[in-house]
Amino acid sequence: MTEPLMDRRRAGELLREADCPEEFIQRFLAALELAPAEELLCMLRCQRCRQLERVHEEQRKLDGLDRLRYELEKLCREKSRRGEGDGGC
């Protein structure tokens, strides 16, 4: 049997810290015993892409909130200038 490329416990810790799904962690740890480094790297690249897409989805949501906040702040400033402020802005 060949020696694993890295310690399973440490690899699992790092994957959990990165908030990888448990299913991926288990597949990766199983592959760590037998798969060549190139396959492990491919697995990590794919997981990184999936997680980066989640980051982008959250950024789009934040952009929507920022756009709404900007529009409301702009409306409040316009009302203030016209003296229509009712204390809510």
PDB file of N, CA and C in Angstrom:
ATOM      1  N   MET A   1       0.850  -1.187   0.000  1.00  0.00           N
ATOM      2  CA  MET A   1       0.000   0.000   0.000  1.00  0.00           C
ATOM      3  C   MET A   1       0.893   1.248   0.000  1.00  0.00           C
ATOM      4  N   THR A   2       0.499   2.232  -0.781  1.00  0.00           N
ATOM      5  CA  THR A   2       1.297   3.458  -0.862  1.00  0.00           C
ATOM      6  C   THR A   2       0.940   4.399   0.283  1.00  0.00           C
ATOM      7  N   GLU A   3       1.877   5.223   0.620  1.00  0.00           N
ATOM      8  CA  GLU A   3       1.700   6.225   1.675  1.00  0.00           C
ATOM      9  C   GLU A   3       0.803   7.354   1.152  1.00  0.00           C
ATOM     10  N   PRO A   4      -0.236   7.774   1.905  1.00  0.00           N
ATOM     11  CA  PRO A   4      -1.067   8.897   1.445  1.00  0.00           C
ATOM     12  C   PRO A   4      -0.228  10.164   1.300  1.00  0.00           C
ATOM     13  N   LEU A   5      -0.674  11.021   0.399  1.00  0.00           N
ATOM     14  CA  LEU A   5       0.060  12.256   0.132  1.00  0.00           C
ATOM     15  C   LEU A   5       0.082  13.188   1.338  1.00  0.00           C
ATOM     16  N   MET A   6      -0.984  13.196   2.116  1.00  0.00           N
ATOM     17  CA  MET A   6      -1.040  14.058   3.295  1.00  0.00           C
ATOM     18  C   MET A   6      -1.887  13.393   4.362  1.00  0.00           C
ATOM     19  N   ASP A   7      -1.808  13.904   5.558  1.00  0.00           N
ATOM     20  CA  ASP A   7      -2.537  13.366   6.691  1.00  0.00           C
ATOM     21  C   ASP A   7      -4.045  13.556   6.496  1.00  0.00           C
ATOM     22  N   ARG A   8      -4.787  12.468   6.624  1.00  0.00           N
ATOM     23  CA  ARG A   8      -6.251  12.516   6.444  1.00  0.00           C
ATOM     24  C   ARG A   8      -6.906  13.476   7.435  1.00  0.00           C
ATOM     25  N   ARG A   9      -6.462  13.429   8.683  1.00  0.00           N
ATOM     26  CA  ARG A   9      -7.070  14.272   9.708  1.00  0.00           C
ATOM     27  C   ARG A   9      -6.895  15.744   9.363  1.00  0.00           C
ATOM     28  N   ARG A  10      -5.688  16.111   8.976  1.00  0.00           N
ATOM     29  CA  ARG A  10      -5.415  17.520   8.631  1.00  0.00           C
ATOM     30  C   ARG A  10      -6.198  17.926   7.385  1.00  0.00           C
ATOM     31  N   ALA A  11      -6.249  17.054   6.393  1.00  0.00           N
ATOM     32  CA  ALA A  11      -7.007  17.360   5.175  1.00  0.00           C
ATOM     33  C   ALA A  11      -8.481  17.573   5.514  1.00  0.00           C
ATOM     34  N   GLY A  12      -9.038  16.701   6.363  1.00  0.00           N
ATOM     35  CA  GLY A  12     -10.438  16.842   6.767  1.00  0.00           C
ATOM     36  C   GLY A  12     -10.685  18.146   7.499  1.00  0.00           C
ATOM     37  N   GLU A  13      -9.765  18.521   8.384  1.00  0.00           N
ATOM     38  CA  GLU A  13      -9.890  19.790   9.112  1.00  0.00           C
ATOM     39  C   GLU A  13      -9.924  20.973   8.147  1.00  0.00           C
ATOM     40  N   LEU A  14      -9.003  20.967   7.202  1.00  0.00           N
ATOM     41  CA  LEU A  14      -8.929  22.082   6.251  1.00  0.00           C
ATOM     42  C   LEU A  14     -10.186  22.165   5.384  1.00  0.00           C
ATOM     43  N   LEU A  15     -10.694  21.017   4.971  1.00  0.00           N
ATOM     44  CA  LEU A  15     -11.904  21.011   4.143  1.00  0.00           C
ATOM     45  C   LEU A  15     -13.113  21.476   4.948  1.00  0.00           C
ATOM     46  N   ARG A  16     -13.178  21.099   6.214  1.00  0.00           N
ATOM     47  CA  ARG A  16     -14.292  21.560   7.057  1.00  0.00           C
ATOM     48  C   ARG A  16     -14.185  23.062   7.319  1.00  0.00           C
ATOM     49  N   GLU A  17     -12.970  23.548   7.553  1.00  0.00           N
ATOM     50  CA  GLU A  17     -12.774  24.990   7.746  1.00  0.00           C
ATOM     51  C   GLU A  17     -13.209  25.758   6.500  1.00  0.00           C
ATOM     52  N   ALA A  18     -13.038  25.143   5.341  1.00  0.00           N
ATOM     53  CA  ALA A  18     -13.428  25.779   4.082  1.00  0.00           C
ATOM     54  C   ALA A  18     -14.920  25.608   3.816  1.00  0.00           C
ATOM     55  N   ASP A  19     -15.633  24.985   4.755  1.00  0.00           N
ATOM     56  CA  ASP A  19     -17.085  24.778   4.666  1.00  0.00           C
ATOM     57  C   ASP A  19     -17.479  23.930   3.461  1.00  0.00           C
ATOM     58  N   CYS A  20     -16.647  22.934   3.157  1.00  0.00           N
ATOM     59  CA  CYS A  20     -16.986  21.997   2.084  1.00  0.00           C
ATOM     60  C   CYS A  20     -18.092  21.067   2.567  1.00  0.00           C
ATOM     61  N   PRO A  21     -18.955  20.626   1.667  1.00  0.00           N
ATOM     62  CA  PRO A  21     -20.002  19.670   2.059  1.00  0.00           C
ATOM     63  C   PRO A  21     -19.373  18.361   2.549  1.00  0.00           C
ATOM     64  N   GLU A  22     -20.013  17.748   3.518  1.00  0.00           N
ATOM     65  CA  GLU A  22     -19.487  16.504   4.099  1.00  0.00           C
ATOM     66  C   GLU A  22     -19.317  15.417   3.040  1.00  0.00           C
ATOM     67  N   GLU A  23     -20.233  15.371   2.090  1.00  0.00           N
ATOM     68  CA  GLU A  23     -20.124  14.372   1.017  1.00  0.00           C
ATOM     69  C   GLU A  23     -18.809  14.547   0.249  1.00  0.00           C
ATOM     70  N   PHE A  24     -18.477  15.800  -0.080  1.00  0.00           N
ATOM     71  CA  PHE A  24     -17.220  16.052  -0.787  1.00  0.00           C
ATOM     72  C   PHE A  24     -16.033  15.664   0.086  1.00  0.00           C
ATOM     73  N   ILE A  25     -16.090  16.013   1.368  1.00  0.00           N
ATOM     74  CA  ILE A  25     -14.990  15.697   2.276  1.00  0.00           C
ATOM     75  C   ILE A  25     -14.738  14.196   2.298  1.00  0.00           C
ATOM     76  N   GLN A  26     -15.797  13.424   2.414  1.00  0.00           N
ATOM     77  CA  GLN A  26     -15.649  11.967   2.473  1.00  0.00           C
ATOM     78  C   GLN A  26     -15.083  11.414   1.165  1.00  0.00           C
ATOM     79  N   ARG A  27     -15.572  11.933   0.037  1.00  0.00           N
ATOM     80  CA  ARG A  27     -15.034  11.480  -1.264  1.00  0.00           C
ATOM     81  C   ARG A  27     -13.564  11.834  -1.395  1.00  0.00           C
ATOM     82  N   PHE A  28     -13.211  13.039  -0.969  1.00  0.00           N
ATOM     83  CA  PHE A  28     -11.820  13.471  -1.073  1.00  0.00           C
ATOM     84  C   PHE A  28     -10.918  12.628  -0.181  1.00  0.00           C
ATOM     85  N   LEU A  29     -11.347  12.391   1.054  1.00  0.00           N
ATOM     86  CA  LEU A  29     -10.528  11.607   1.976  1.00  0.00           C
ATOM     87  C   LEU A  29     -10.356  10.173   1.485  1.00  0.00           C
ATOM     88  N   ALA A  30     -11.395   9.611   0.880  1.00  0.00           N
ATOM     89  CA  ALA A  30     -11.269   8.264   0.311  1.00  0.00           C
ATOM     90  C   ALA A  30     -10.280   8.276  -0.849  1.00  0.00           C
ATOM     91  N   ALA A  31     -10.380   9.300  -1.687  1.00  0.00           N
ATOM     92  CA  ALA A  31      -9.473   9.399  -2.834  1.00  0.00           C
ATOM     93  C   ALA A  31      -8.045   9.664  -2.389  1.00  0.00           C
ATOM     94  N   LEU A  32      -7.888  10.298  -1.255  1.00  0.00           N
ATOM     95  CA  LEU A  32      -6.555  10.634  -0.745  1.00  0.00           C
ATOM     96  C   LEU A  32      -5.699   9.388  -0.564  1.00  0.00           C
ATOM     97  N   GLU A  33      -6.345   8.273  -0.267  1.00  0.00           N
ATOM     98  CA  GLU A  33      -5.622   7.020  -0.038  1.00  0.00           C
ATOM     99  C   GLU A  33      -5.081   6.423  -1.334  1.00  0.00           C
ATOM    100  N   LEU A  34      -5.781   6.615  -2.438  1.00  0.00           N
ATOM    101  CA  LEU A  34      -5.456   5.867  -3.652  1.00  0.00           C
ATOM    102  C   LEU A  34      -5.199   6.713  -4.897  1.00  0.00           C
ATOM    103  N   ALA A  35      -5.839   7.839  -4.973  1.00  0.00           N
ATOM    104  CA  ALA A  35      -5.811   8.619  -6.218  1.00  0.00           C
ATOM    105  C   ALA A  35      -4.483   9.362  -6.376  1.00  0.00           C
ATOM    106  N   PRO A  36      -4.100   9.575  -7.629  1.00  0.00           N
ATOM    107  CA  PRO A  36      -2.896  10.388  -7.866  1.00  0.00           C
ATOM    108  C   PRO A  36      -3.163  11.849  -7.513  1.00  0.00           C
ATOM    109  N   ALA A  37      -2.096  12.571  -7.255  1.00  0.00           N
ATOM    110  CA  ALA A  37      -2.198  13.976  -6.864  1.00  0.00           C
ATOM    111  C   ALA A  37      -2.982  14.788  -7.884  1.00  0.00           C
ATOM    112  N   GLU A  38      -2.833  14.496  -9.167  1.00  0.00           N
ATOM    113  CA  GLU A  38      -3.539  15.246 -10.211  1.00  0.00           C
ATOM    114  C   GLU A  38      -5.048  15.130 -10.044  1.00  0.00           C
ATOM    115  N   GLU A  39      -5.531  13.945  -9.673  1.00  0.00           N
ATOM    116  CA  GLU A  39      -6.970  13.755  -9.476  1.00  0.00           C
ATOM    117  C   GLU A  39      -7.451  14.524  -8.242  1.00  0.00           C
ATOM    118  N   LEU A  40      -6.655  14.510  -7.194  1.00  0.00           N
ATOM    119  CA  LEU A  40      -7.011  15.261  -5.985  1.00  0.00           C
ATOM    120  C   LEU A  40      -7.063  16.756  -6.274  1.00  0.00           C
ATOM    121  N   LEU A  41      -6.099  17.237  -7.037  1.00  0.00           N
ATOM    122  CA  LEU A  41      -6.096  18.652  -7.415  1.00  0.00           C
ATOM    123  C   LEU A  41      -7.326  19.008  -8.237  1.00  0.00           C
ATOM    124  N   CYS A  42      -7.704  18.124  -9.129  1.00  0.00           N
ATOM    125  CA  CYS A  42      -8.908  18.353  -9.943  1.00  0.00           C
ATOM    126  C   CYS A  42     -10.141  18.437  -9.054  1.00  0.00           C
ATOM    127  N   MET A  43     -10.234  17.537  -8.077  1.00  0.00           N
ATOM    128  CA  MET A  43     -11.367  17.563  -7.149  1.00  0.00           C
ATOM    129  C   MET A  43     -11.416  18.896  -6.403  1.00  0.00           C
ATOM    130  N   LEU A  44     -10.260  19.348  -5.930  1.00  0.00           N
ATOM    131  CA  LEU A  44     -10.212  20.607  -5.187  1.00  0.00           C
ATOM    132  C   LEU A  44     -10.552  21.800  -6.067  1.00  0.00           C
ATOM    133  N   ARG A  45     -10.075  21.792  -7.305  1.00  0.00           N
ATOM    134  CA  ARG A  45     -10.398  22.901  -8.229  1.00  0.00           C
ATOM    135  C   ARG A  45     -11.896  22.966  -8.488  1.00  0.00           C
ATOM    136  N   CYS A  46     -12.505  21.802  -8.689  1.00  0.00           N
ATOM    137  CA  CYS A  46     -13.955  21.766  -8.945  1.00  0.00           C
ATOM    138  C   CYS A  46     -14.737  22.267  -7.733  1.00  0.00           C
ATOM    139  N   GLN A  47     -14.327  21.838  -6.554  1.00  0.00           N
ATOM    140  CA  GLN A  47     -15.012  22.293  -5.340  1.00  0.00           C
ATOM    141  C   GLN A  47     -14.840  23.792  -5.158  1.00  0.00           C
ATOM    142  N   ARG A  48     -13.655  24.280  -5.434  1.00  0.00           N
ATOM    143  CA  ARG A  48     -13.409  25.720  -5.319  1.00  0.00           C
ATOM    144  C   ARG A  48     -14.320  26.491  -6.257  1.00  0.00           C
ATOM    145  N   CYS A  49     -14.480  26.002  -7.475  1.00  0.00           N
ATOM    146  CA  CYS A  49     -15.370  26.671  -8.433  1.00  0.00           C
ATOM    147  C   CYS A  49     -16.805  26.685  -7.927  1.00  0.00           C
ATOM    148  N   ARG A  50     -17.262  25.568  -7.355  1.00  0.00           N
ATOM    149  CA  ARG A  50     -18.629  25.523  -6.814  1.00  0.00           C
ATOM    150  C   ARG A  50     -18.792  26.533  -5.686  1.00  0.00           C
ATOM    151  N   GLN A  51     -17.806  26.606  -4.815  1.00  0.00           N
ATOM    152  CA  GLN A  51     -17.904  27.546  -3.698  1.00  0.00           C
ATOM    153  C   GLN A  51     -17.785  28.979  -4.174  1.00  0.00           C
ATOM    154  N   LEU A  52     -16.962  29.227  -5.166  1.00  0.00           N
ATOM    155  CA  LEU A  52     -16.845  30.582  -5.694  1.00  0.00           C
ATOM    156  C   LEU A  52     -18.158  31.017  -6.342  1.00  0.00           C
ATOM    157  N   GLU A  53     -18.851  30.098  -6.976  1.00  0.00           N
ATOM    158  CA  GLU A  53     -20.152  30.446  -7.556  1.00  0.00           C
ATOM    159  C   GLU A  53     -21.133  30.837  -6.453  1.00  0.00           C
ATOM    160  N   ARG A  54     -21.078  30.154  -5.314  1.00  0.00           N
ATOM    161  CA  ARG A  54     -21.935  30.531  -4.180  1.00  0.00           C
ATOM    162  C   ARG A  54     -21.595  31.938  -3.703  1.00  0.00           C
ATOM    163  N   VAL A  55     -20.317  32.269  -3.666  1.00  0.00           N
ATOM    164  CA  VAL A  55     -19.896  33.615  -3.269  1.00  0.00           C
ATOM    165  C   VAL A  55     -20.474  34.638  -4.246  1.00  0.00           C
ATOM    166  N   HIS A  56     -20.404  34.329  -5.535  1.00  0.00           N
ATOM    167  CA  HIS A  56     -20.935  35.254  -6.541  1.00  0.00           C
ATOM    168  C   HIS A  56     -22.442  35.411  -6.408  1.00  0.00           C
ATOM    169  N   GLU A  57     -23.145  34.323  -6.104  1.00  0.00           N
ATOM    170  CA  GLU A  57     -24.595  34.411  -5.896  1.00  0.00           C
ATOM    171  C   GLU A  57     -24.909  35.339  -4.726  1.00  0.00           C
ATOM    172  N   GLU A  58     -24.177  35.192  -3.634  1.00  0.00           N
ATOM    173  CA  GLU A  58     -24.394  36.054  -2.473  1.00  0.00           C
ATOM    174  C   GLU A  58     -24.053  37.500  -2.799  1.00  0.00           C
ATOM    175  N   GLN A  59     -23.011  37.717  -3.608  1.00  0.00           N
ATOM    176  CA  GLN A  59     -22.645  39.080  -4.001  1.00  0.00           C
ATOM    177  C   GLN A  59     -23.759  39.717  -4.829  1.00  0.00           C
ATOM    178  N   ARG A  60     -24.382  38.942  -5.717  1.00  0.00           N
ATOM    179  CA  ARG A  60     -25.503  39.477  -6.501  1.00  0.00           C
ATOM    180  C   ARG A  60     -26.656  39.898  -5.579  1.00  0.00           C
ATOM    181  N   LYS A  61     -26.905  39.100  -4.543  1.00  0.00           N
ATOM    182  CA  LYS A  61     -27.966  39.443  -3.587  1.00  0.00           C
ATOM    183  C   LYS A  61     -27.628  40.745  -2.855  1.00  0.00           C
ATOM    184  N   LEU A  62     -26.376  40.857  -2.428  1.00  0.00           N
ATOM    185  CA  LEU A  62     -25.948  42.085  -1.755  1.00  0.00           C
ATOM    186  C   LEU A  62     -26.040  43.286  -2.681  1.00  0.00           C
ATOM    187  N   ASP A  63     -25.695  43.097  -3.942  1.00  0.00           N
ATOM    188  CA  ASP A  63     -25.800  44.187  -4.918  1.00  0.00           C
ATOM    189  C   ASP A  63     -27.240  44.665  -5.037  1.00  0.00           C
ATOM    190  N   GLY A  64     -28.193  43.735  -5.024  1.00  0.00           N
ATOM    191  CA  GLY A  64     -29.602  44.108  -5.087  1.00  0.00           C
ATOM    192  C   GLY A  64     -30.025  44.923  -3.870  1.00  0.00           C
ATOM    193  N   LEU A  65     -29.578  44.484  -2.690  1.00  0.00           N
ATOM    194  CA  LEU A  65     -29.892  45.242  -1.477  1.00  0.00           C
ATOM    195  C   LEU A  65     -29.259  46.618  -1.515  1.00  0.00           C
ATOM    196  N   ASP A  66     -28.029  46.700  -1.967  1.00  0.00           N
ATOM    197  CA  ASP A  66     -27.352  48.000  -2.058  1.00  0.00           C
ATOM    198  C   ASP A  66     -28.055  48.928  -3.032  1.00  0.00           C
ATOM    199  N   ARG A  67     -28.529  48.368  -4.143  1.00  0.00           N
ATOM    200  CA  ARG A  67     -29.241  49.180  -5.136  1.00  0.00           C
ATOM    201  C   ARG A  67     -30.521  49.750  -4.522  1.00  0.00           C
ATOM    202  N   LEU A  68     -31.266  48.923  -3.807  1.00  0.00           N
ATOM    203  CA  LEU A  68     -32.502  49.383  -3.163  1.00  0.00           C
ATOM    204  C   LEU A  68     -32.197  50.440  -2.103  1.00  0.00           C
ATOM    205  N   ARG A  69     -31.159  50.196  -1.286  1.00  0.00           N
ATOM    206  CA  ARG A  69     -30.765  51.160  -0.258  1.00  0.00           C
ATOM    207  C   ARG A  69     -30.376  52.487  -0.894  1.00  0.00           C
ATOM    208  N   TYR A  70     -29.612  52.436  -1.978  1.00  0.00           N
ATOM    209  CA  TYR A  70     -29.196  53.659  -2.672  1.00  0.00           C
ATOM    210  C   TYR A  70     -30.420  54.438  -3.167  1.00  0.00           C
ATOM    211  N   GLU A  71     -31.376  53.732  -3.764  1.00  0.00           N
ATOM    212  CA  GLU A  71     -32.560  54.409  -4.279  1.00  0.00           C
ATOM    213  C   GLU A  71     -33.364  55.057  -3.160  1.00  0.00           C
ATOM    214  N   LEU A  72     -33.479  54.372  -2.012  1.00  0.00           N
ATOM    215  CA  LEU A  72     -34.218  54.948  -0.891  1.00  0.00           C
ATOM    216  C   LEU A  72     -33.483  56.151  -0.299  1.00  0.00           C
ATOM    217  N   GLU A  73     -32.161  56.048  -0.188  1.00  0.00           N
ATOM    218  CA  GLU A  73     -31.386  57.186   0.316  1.00  0.00           C
ATOM    219  C   GLU A  73     -31.503  58.386  -0.622  1.00  0.00           C
ATOM    220  N   LYS A  74     -31.488  58.115  -1.919  1.00  0.00           N
ATOM    221  CA  LYS A  74     -31.631  59.186  -2.905  1.00  0.00           C
ATOM    222  C   LYS A  74     -33.004  59.848  -2.770  1.00  0.00           C
ATOM    223  N   LEU A  75     -34.038  59.058  -2.583  1.00  0.00           N
ATOM    224  CA  LEU A  75     -35.393  59.582  -2.402  1.00  0.00           C
ATOM    225  C   LEU A  75     -35.469  60.456  -1.145  1.00  0.00           C
ATOM    226  N   CYS A  76     -34.848  59.994  -0.068  1.00  0.00           N
ATOM    227  CA  CYS A  76     -34.834  60.782   1.178  1.00  0.00           C
ATOM    228  C   CYS A  76     -34.109  62.106   0.989  1.00  0.00           C
ATOM    229  N   ARG A  77     -32.989  62.087   0.286  1.00  0.00           N
ATOM    230  CA  ARG A  77     -32.246  63.336   0.052  1.00  0.00           C
ATOM    231  C   ARG A  77     -33.085  64.308  -0.776  1.00  0.00           C
ATOM    232  N   GLU A  78     -33.764  63.795  -1.787  1.00  0.00           N
ATOM    233  CA  GLU A  78     -34.601  64.663  -2.632  1.00  0.00           C
ATOM    234  C   GLU A  78     -35.739  65.272  -1.821  1.00  0.00           C
ATOM    235  N   LYS A  79     -36.360  64.469  -0.965  1.00  0.00           N
ATOM    236  CA  LYS A  79     -37.447  64.989  -0.125  1.00  0.00           C
ATOM    237  C   LYS A  79     -36.924  66.033   0.846  1.00  0.00           C
ATOM    238  N   SER A  80     -35.742  65.793   1.385  1.00  0.00           N
ATOM    239  CA  SER A  80     -35.132  66.747   2.327  1.00  0.00           C
ATOM    240  C   SER A  80     -34.890  68.081   1.653  1.00  0.00           C
ATOM    241  N   ARG A  81     -34.369  68.040   0.452  1.00  0.00           N
ATOM    242  CA  ARG A  81     -34.081  69.278  -0.283  1.00  0.00           C
ATOM    243  C   ARG A  81     -35.350  70.069  -0.558  1.00  0.00           C
ATOM    244  N   ARG A  82     -36.426  69.339  -0.799  1.00  0.00           N
ATOM    245  CA  ARG A  82     -37.690  70.021  -1.101  1.00  0.00           C
ATOM    246  C   ARG A  82     -38.454  70.377   0.176  1.00  0.00           C
ATOM    247  N   GLY A  83     -37.919  69.991   1.336  1.00  0.00           N
ATOM    248  CA  GLY A  83     -38.588  70.298   2.592  1.00  0.00           C
ATOM    249  C   GLY A  83     -39.752  69.383   2.886  1.00  0.00           C
ATOM    250  N   GLU A  84     -39.765  68.217   2.256  1.00  0.00           N
ATOM    251  CA  GLU A  84     -40.881  67.285   2.441  1.00  0.00           C
ATOM    252  C   GLU A  84     -40.553  66.200   3.442  1.00  0.00           C
ATOM    253  N   GLY A  85     -39.395  66.274   4.021  1.00  0.00           N
ATOM    254  CA  GLY A  85     -38.989  65.215   4.971  1.00  0.00           C
ATOM    255  C   GLY A  85     -39.995  65.077   6.093  1.00  0.00           C
ATOM    256  N   ASP A  86     -40.409  63.869   6.391  1.00  0.00           N
ATOM    257  CA  ASP A  86     -41.376  63.641   7.447  1.00  0.00           C
ATOM    258  C   ASP A  86     -40.739  62.994   8.670  1.00  0.00           C
ATOM    259  N   GLY A  87     -39.414  63.053   8.735  1.00  0.00           N
ATOM    260  CA  GLY A  87     -38.734  62.457   9.870  1.00  0.00           C
ATOM    261  C   GLY A  87     -38.407  60.994   9.642  1.00  0.00           C
ATOM    262  N   GLY A  88     -38.950  60.413   8.597  1.00  0.00           N
ATOM    263  CA  GLY A  88     -38.688  58.995   8.316  1.00  0.00           C
ATOM    264  C   GLY A  88     -37.411  58.774   7.543  1.00  0.00           C
ATOM    265  N   CYS A  89     -36.823  59.834   7.051  1.00  0.00           N
ATOM    266  CA  CYS A  89     -35.591  59.694   6.265  1.00  0.00           C
ATOM    267  C   CYS A  89     -34.421  60.247   7.036  1.00  0.00           C
TER     268      CYS A  89
END
